[in-house]
Amino acid sequence: EIICLSTPSPFLAVGAHYAEFGQLADA
């Protein structure tokens, strides 16, 4: 099963769809 809320077209990049797209540190 796949649950996906949005399939934007054109799809540019994942981060382009977030106001904030920081990476998590190991900590």
PDB file of all heavy atoms in Angstrom:
ATOM      1  N   GLU A   1       0.840  -1.198   0.000  1.00  0.00           N
ATOM      2  CA  GLU A   1       0.000   0.000   0.000  1.00  0.00           C
ATOM      3  C   GLU A   1       0.876   1.248   0.000  1.00  0.00           C
ATOM      4  O   GLU A   1       1.931   1.270   0.626  1.00  0.00           O
ATOM      5  CB  GLU A   1      -0.877  -0.007   1.252  1.00  0.00           C
ATOM      6  CG  GLU A   1      -1.844   1.137   1.367  1.00  0.00           C
ATOM      7  CD  GLU A   1      -2.702   1.046   2.626  1.00  0.00           C
ATOM      8  OE1 GLU A   1      -2.647   0.037   3.355  1.00  0.00           O
ATOM      9  OE2 GLU A   1      -3.444   2.016   2.873  1.00  0.00           O
ATOM     10  N   ILE A   2       0.414   2.284  -0.704  1.00  0.00           N
ATOM     11  CA  ILE A   2       1.074   3.588  -0.679  1.00  0.00           C
ATOM     12  C   ILE A   2       0.063   4.622  -0.224  1.00  0.00           C
ATOM     13  O   ILE A   2      -1.061   4.666  -0.715  1.00  0.00           O
ATOM     14  CB  ILE A   2       1.631   3.993  -2.062  1.00  0.00           C
ATOM     15  CG1 ILE A   2       2.778   3.072  -2.473  1.00  0.00           C
ATOM     16  CG2 ILE A   2       2.103   5.459  -2.046  1.00  0.00           C
ATOM     17  CD1 ILE A   2       3.359   3.375  -3.848  1.00  0.00           C
ATOM     18  N   ILE A   3       0.496   5.438   0.734  1.00  0.00           N
ATOM     19  CA  ILE A   3      -0.287   6.583   1.163  1.00  0.00           C
ATOM     20  C   ILE A   3       0.535   7.810   0.809  1.00  0.00           C
ATOM     21  O   ILE A   3       1.627   7.998   1.333  1.00  0.00           O
ATOM     22  CB  ILE A   3      -0.568   6.545   2.680  1.00  0.00           C
ATOM     23  CG1 ILE A   3      -1.350   5.281   3.028  1.00  0.00           C
ATOM     24  CG2 ILE A   3      -1.307   7.807   3.117  1.00  0.00           C
ATOM     25  CD1 ILE A   3      -1.388   4.958   4.495  1.00  0.00           C
ATOM     26  N   CYS A   4       0.040   8.612  -0.122  1.00  0.00           N
ATOM     27  CA  CYS A   4       0.736   9.815  -0.567  1.00  0.00           C
ATOM     28  C   CYS A   4      -0.273  10.948  -0.617  1.00  0.00           C
ATOM     29  O   CYS A   4      -1.321  10.827  -1.250  1.00  0.00           O
ATOM     30  CB  CYS A   4       1.376   9.597  -1.930  1.00  0.00           C
ATOM     31  SG  CYS A   4       2.286  11.044  -2.522  1.00  0.00           S
ATOM     32  N   LEU A   5       0.054  12.043   0.062  1.00  0.00           N
ATOM     33  CA  LEU A   5      -0.881  13.154   0.166  1.00  0.00           C
ATOM     34  C   LEU A   5      -0.903  14.064  -1.056  1.00  0.00           C
ATOM     35  O   LEU A   5      -1.909  14.691  -1.333  1.00  0.00           O
ATOM     36  CB  LEU A   5      -0.554  13.983   1.411  1.00  0.00           C
ATOM     37  CG  LEU A   5      -0.567  13.223   2.742  1.00  0.00           C
ATOM     38  CD1 LEU A   5      -0.201  14.160   3.881  1.00  0.00           C
ATOM     39  CD2 LEU A   5      -1.910  12.558   2.976  1.00  0.00           C
ATOM     40  N   SER A   6       0.207  14.147  -1.778  1.00  0.00           N
ATOM     41  CA  SER A   6       0.275  15.084  -2.885  1.00  0.00           C
ATOM     42  C   SER A   6       1.232  14.579  -3.959  1.00  0.00           C
ATOM     43  O   SER A   6       2.306  14.066  -3.653  1.00  0.00           O
ATOM     44  CB  SER A   6       0.742  16.450  -2.378  1.00  0.00           C
ATOM     45  OG  SER A   6       0.871  17.376  -3.431  1.00  0.00           O
ATOM     46  N   THR A   7       0.808  14.741  -5.214  1.00  0.00           N
ATOM     47  CA  THR A   7       1.675  14.405  -6.348  1.00  0.00           C
ATOM     48  C   THR A   7       1.779  15.642  -7.252  1.00  0.00           C
ATOM     49  O   THR A   7       1.156  15.705  -8.310  1.00  0.00           O
ATOM     50  CB  THR A   7       1.106  13.205  -7.142  1.00  0.00           C
ATOM     51  OG1 THR A   7      -0.230  13.503  -7.517  1.00  0.00           O
ATOM     52  CG2 THR A   7       1.153  11.926  -6.342  1.00  0.00           C
ATOM     53  N   PRO A   8       2.562  16.637  -6.797  1.00  0.00           N
ATOM     54  CA  PRO A   8       2.659  17.883  -7.557  1.00  0.00           C
ATOM     55  C   PRO A   8       3.234  17.658  -8.958  1.00  0.00           C
ATOM     56  O   PRO A   8       4.087  16.807  -9.157  1.00  0.00           O
ATOM     57  CB  PRO A   8       3.608  18.748  -6.723  1.00  0.00           C
ATOM     58  CG  PRO A   8       4.092  17.930  -5.603  1.00  0.00           C
ATOM     59  CD  PRO A   8       3.409  16.617  -5.625  1.00  0.00           C
ATOM     60  N   SER A   9       2.715  18.440  -9.888  1.00  0.00           N
ATOM     61  CA  SER A   9       3.217  18.374 -11.250  1.00  0.00           C
ATOM     62  C   SER A   9       3.278  19.798 -11.798  1.00  0.00           C
ATOM     63  O   SER A   9       2.276  20.508 -11.761  1.00  0.00           O
ATOM     64  CB  SER A   9       2.288  17.519 -12.108  1.00  0.00           C
ATOM     65  OG  SER A   9       2.789  17.411 -13.405  1.00  0.00           O
ATOM     66  N   PRO A  10       4.410  20.243 -12.223  1.00  0.00           N
ATOM     67  CA  PRO A  10       5.660  19.499 -12.276  1.00  0.00           C
ATOM     68  C   PRO A  10       6.262  19.351 -10.880  1.00  0.00           C
ATOM     69  O   PRO A  10       6.067  20.184 -10.010  1.00  0.00           O
ATOM     70  CB  PRO A  10       6.563  20.372 -13.152  1.00  0.00           C
ATOM     71  CG  PRO A  10       6.060  21.757 -12.938  1.00  0.00           C
ATOM     72  CD  PRO A  10       4.575  21.617 -12.721  1.00  0.00           C
ATOM     73  N   PHE A  11       6.986  18.249 -10.711  1.00  0.00           N
ATOM     74  CA  PHE A  11       7.667  17.992  -9.440  1.00  0.00           C
ATOM     75  C   PHE A  11       9.081  18.534  -9.564  1.00  0.00           C
ATOM     76  O   PHE A  11       9.824  18.120 -10.438  1.00  0.00           O
ATOM     77  CB  PHE A  11       7.700  16.494  -9.143  1.00  0.00           C
ATOM     78  CG  PHE A  11       8.191  16.188  -7.757  1.00  0.00           C
ATOM     79  CD1 PHE A  11       7.296  16.069  -6.719  1.00  0.00           C
ATOM     80  CD2 PHE A  11       9.539  16.036  -7.494  1.00  0.00           C
ATOM     81  CE1 PHE A  11       7.720  15.792  -5.434  1.00  0.00           C
ATOM     82  CE2 PHE A  11       9.991  15.766  -6.223  1.00  0.00           C
ATOM     83  CZ  PHE A  11       9.074  15.644  -5.191  1.00  0.00           C
ATOM     84  N   LEU A  12       9.437  19.481  -8.708  1.00  0.00           N
ATOM     85  CA  LEU A  12      10.759  20.101  -8.799  1.00  0.00           C
ATOM     86  C   LEU A  12      11.774  19.421  -7.891  1.00  0.00           C
ATOM     87  O   LEU A  12      12.762  18.888  -8.353  1.00  0.00           O
ATOM     88  CB  LEU A  12      10.650  21.589  -8.477  1.00  0.00           C
ATOM     89  CG  LEU A  12       9.648  22.358  -9.356  1.00  0.00           C
ATOM     90  CD1 LEU A  12       9.470  23.774  -8.872  1.00  0.00           C
ATOM     91  CD2 LEU A  12      10.077  22.300 -10.808  1.00  0.00           C
ATOM     92  N   ALA A  13      11.530  19.459  -6.602  1.00  0.00           N
ATOM     93  CA  ALA A  13      12.394  18.827  -5.613  1.00  0.00           C
ATOM     94  C   ALA A  13      11.603  18.725  -4.321  1.00  0.00           C
ATOM     95  O   ALA A  13      10.704  19.527  -4.074  1.00  0.00           O
ATOM     96  CB  ALA A  13      13.657  19.658  -5.388  1.00  0.00           C
ATOM     97  N   VAL A  14      11.937  17.759  -3.493  1.00  0.00           N
ATOM     98  CA  VAL A  14      11.215  17.571  -2.231  1.00  0.00           C
ATOM     99  C   VAL A  14      11.263  18.838  -1.398  1.00  0.00           C
ATOM    100  O   VAL A  14      10.241  19.343  -0.929  1.00  0.00           O
ATOM    101  CB  VAL A  14      11.785  16.368  -1.443  1.00  0.00           C
ATOM    102  CG1 VAL A  14      11.154  16.288  -0.057  1.00  0.00           C
ATOM    103  CG2 VAL A  14      11.565  15.070  -2.207  1.00  0.00           C
ATOM    104  N   GLY A  15      12.440  19.386  -1.203  1.00  0.00           N
ATOM    105  CA  GLY A  15      12.612  20.564  -0.358  1.00  0.00           C
ATOM    106  C   GLY A  15      11.841  21.789  -0.825  1.00  0.00           C
ATOM    107  O   GLY A  15      11.520  22.667  -0.023  1.00  0.00           O
ATOM    108  N   ALA A  16      11.506  21.835  -2.102  1.00  0.00           N
ATOM    109  CA  ALA A  16      10.766  22.980  -2.643  1.00  0.00           C
ATOM    110  C   ALA A  16       9.337  23.048  -2.099  1.00  0.00           C
ATOM    111  O   ALA A  16       8.689  24.084  -2.199  1.00  0.00           O
ATOM    112  CB  ALA A  16      10.740  22.916  -4.168  1.00  0.00           C
ATOM    113  N   HIS A  17       8.871  21.972  -1.499  1.00  0.00           N
ATOM    114  CA  HIS A  17       7.496  21.907  -1.001  1.00  0.00           C
ATOM    115  C   HIS A  17       7.404  22.104   0.514  1.00  0.00           C
ATOM    116  O   HIS A  17       6.338  21.908   1.090  1.00  0.00           O
ATOM    117  CB  HIS A  17       6.866  20.574  -1.404  1.00  0.00           C
ATOM    118  CG  HIS A  17       6.832  20.393  -2.885  1.00  0.00           C
ATOM    119  ND1 HIS A  17       5.849  20.942  -3.671  1.00  0.00           N
ATOM    120  CD2 HIS A  17       7.693  19.781  -3.732  1.00  0.00           C
ATOM    121  CE1 HIS A  17       6.082  20.645  -4.927  1.00  0.00           C
ATOM    122  NE2 HIS A  17       7.206  19.944  -4.995  1.00  0.00           N
ATOM    123  N   TYR A  18       8.501  22.458   1.123  1.00  0.00           N
ATOM    124  CA  TYR A  18       8.551  22.689   2.564  1.00  0.00           C
ATOM    125  C   TYR A  18       8.985  24.120   2.850  1.00  0.00           C
ATOM    126  O   TYR A  18       9.876  24.639   2.168  1.00  0.00           O
ATOM    127  CB  TYR A  18       9.562  21.749   3.238  1.00  0.00           C
ATOM    128  CG  TYR A  18       9.096  20.320   3.373  1.00  0.00           C
ATOM    129  CD1 TYR A  18       9.289  19.398   2.351  1.00  0.00           C
ATOM    130  CD2 TYR A  18       8.461  19.890   4.533  1.00  0.00           C
ATOM    131  CE1 TYR A  18       8.870  18.082   2.480  1.00  0.00           C
ATOM    132  CE2 TYR A  18       8.039  18.580   4.676  1.00  0.00           C
ATOM    133  CZ  TYR A  18       8.249  17.681   3.640  1.00  0.00           C
ATOM    134  OH  TYR A  18       7.834  16.385   3.782  1.00  0.00           O
ATOM    135  N   ALA A  19       8.391  24.735   3.871  1.00  0.00           N
ATOM    136  CA  ALA A  19       8.848  26.057   4.310  1.00  0.00           C
ATOM    137  C   ALA A  19      10.206  25.930   4.987  1.00  0.00           C
ATOM    138  O   ALA A  19      11.054  26.814   4.886  1.00  0.00           O
ATOM    139  CB  ALA A  19       7.828  26.682   5.268  1.00  0.00           C
ATOM    140  N   GLU A  20      10.411  24.805   5.673  1.00  0.00           N
ATOM    141  CA  GLU A  20      11.676  24.539   6.356  1.00  0.00           C
ATOM    142  C   GLU A  20      12.042  23.089   6.093  1.00  0.00           C
ATOM    143  O   GLU A  20      11.236  22.182   6.317  1.00  0.00           O
ATOM    144  CB  GLU A  20      11.488  24.768   7.867  1.00  0.00           C
ATOM    145  CG  GLU A  20      12.765  25.015   8.600  1.00  0.00           C
ATOM    146  CD  GLU A  20      12.486  25.330  10.065  1.00  0.00           C
ATOM    147  OE1 GLU A  20      11.697  26.239  10.332  1.00  0.00           O
ATOM    148  OE2 GLU A  20      13.076  24.639  10.905  1.00  0.00           O
ATOM    149  N   PHE A  21      13.261  22.834   5.614  1.00  0.00           N
ATOM    150  CA  PHE A  21      13.641  21.476   5.213  1.00  0.00           C
ATOM    151  C   PHE A  21      15.043  21.147   5.710  1.00  0.00           C
ATOM    152  O   PHE A  21      15.913  20.740   4.963  1.00  0.00           O
ATOM    153  CB  PHE A  21      13.544  21.326   3.691  1.00  0.00           C
ATOM    154  CG  PHE A  21      13.594  19.906   3.209  1.00  0.00           C
ATOM    155  CD1 PHE A  21      12.597  19.013   3.559  1.00  0.00           C
ATOM    156  CD2 PHE A  21      14.622  19.465   2.401  1.00  0.00           C
ATOM    157  CE1 PHE A  21      12.631  17.699   3.114  1.00  0.00           C
ATOM    158  CE2 PHE A  21      14.665  18.157   1.942  1.00  0.00           C
ATOM    159  CZ  PHE A  21      13.665  17.273   2.295  1.00  0.00           C
ATOM    160  N   GLY A  22      15.257  21.331   7.015  1.00  0.00           N
ATOM    161  CA  GLY A  22      16.565  21.050   7.602  1.00  0.00           C
ATOM    162  C   GLY A  22      16.782  19.565   7.795  1.00  0.00           C
ATOM    163  O   GLY A  22      15.836  18.786   7.876  1.00  0.00           O
ATOM    164  N   GLN A  23      18.030  19.174   7.857  1.00  0.00           N
ATOM    165  CA  GLN A  23      18.396  17.779   8.091  1.00  0.00           C
ATOM    166  C   GLN A  23      18.511  17.520   9.589  1.00  0.00           C
ATOM    167  O   GLN A  23      18.896  18.402  10.350  1.00  0.00           O
ATOM    168  CB  GLN A  23      19.738  17.470   7.413  1.00  0.00           C
ATOM    169  CG  GLN A  23      19.710  17.642   5.908  1.00  0.00           C
ATOM    170  CD  GLN A  23      18.740  16.687   5.233  1.00  0.00           C
ATOM    171  OE1 GLN A  23      18.801  15.488   5.443  1.00  0.00           O
ATOM    172  NE2 GLN A  23      17.847  17.219   4.417  1.00  0.00           N
ATOM    173  N   LEU A  24      18.176  16.314  10.007  1.00  0.00           N
ATOM    174  CA  LEU A  24      18.329  15.920  11.401  1.00  0.00           C
ATOM    175  C   LEU A  24      19.763  15.470  11.645  1.00  0.00           C
ATOM    176  O   LEU A  24      20.328  14.725  10.846  1.00  0.00           O
ATOM    177  CB  LEU A  24      17.396  14.764  11.755  1.00  0.00           C
ATOM    178  CG  LEU A  24      15.916  15.082  11.886  1.00  0.00           C
ATOM    179  CD1 LEU A  24      15.128  13.802  12.161  1.00  0.00           C
ATOM    180  CD2 LEU A  24      15.670  16.090  12.975  1.00  0.00           C
ATOM    181  N   ALA A  25      20.302  15.902  12.754  1.00  0.00           N
ATOM    182  CA  ALA A  25      21.630  15.436  13.173  1.00  0.00           C
ATOM    183  C   ALA A  25      21.467  14.091  13.877  1.00  0.00           C
ATOM    184  O   ALA A  25      20.381  13.755  14.364  1.00  0.00           O
ATOM    185  CB  ALA A  25      22.260  16.454  14.119  1.00  0.00           C
ATOM    186  N   ASP A  26      22.549  13.323  13.943  1.00  0.00           N
ATOM    187  CA  ASP A  26      22.510  12.045  14.657  1.00  0.00           C
ATOM    188  C   ASP A  26      21.966  12.227  16.069  1.00  0.00           C
ATOM    189  O   ASP A  26      21.178  11.411  16.546  1.00  0.00           O
ATOM    190  CB  ASP A  26      23.908  11.423  14.730  1.00  0.00           C
ATOM    191  CG  ASP A  26      24.332  10.758  13.429  1.00  0.00           C
ATOM    192  OD1 ASP A  26      23.472  10.566  12.542  1.00  0.00           O
ATOM    193  OD2 ASP A  26      25.516  10.424  13.311  1.00  0.00           O
ATOM    194  N   ALA A  27      22.376  13.278  16.740  1.00  0.00           N
ATOM    195  CA  ALA A  27      21.936  13.510  18.121  1.00  0.00           C
ATOM    196  C   ALA A  27      20.417  13.650  18.203  1.00  0.00           C
ATOM    197  O   ALA A  27      19.801  13.176  19.165  1.00  0.00           O
ATOM    198  CB  ALA A  27      22.615  14.752  18.687  1.00  0.00           C
TER     199      ALA A  27
END
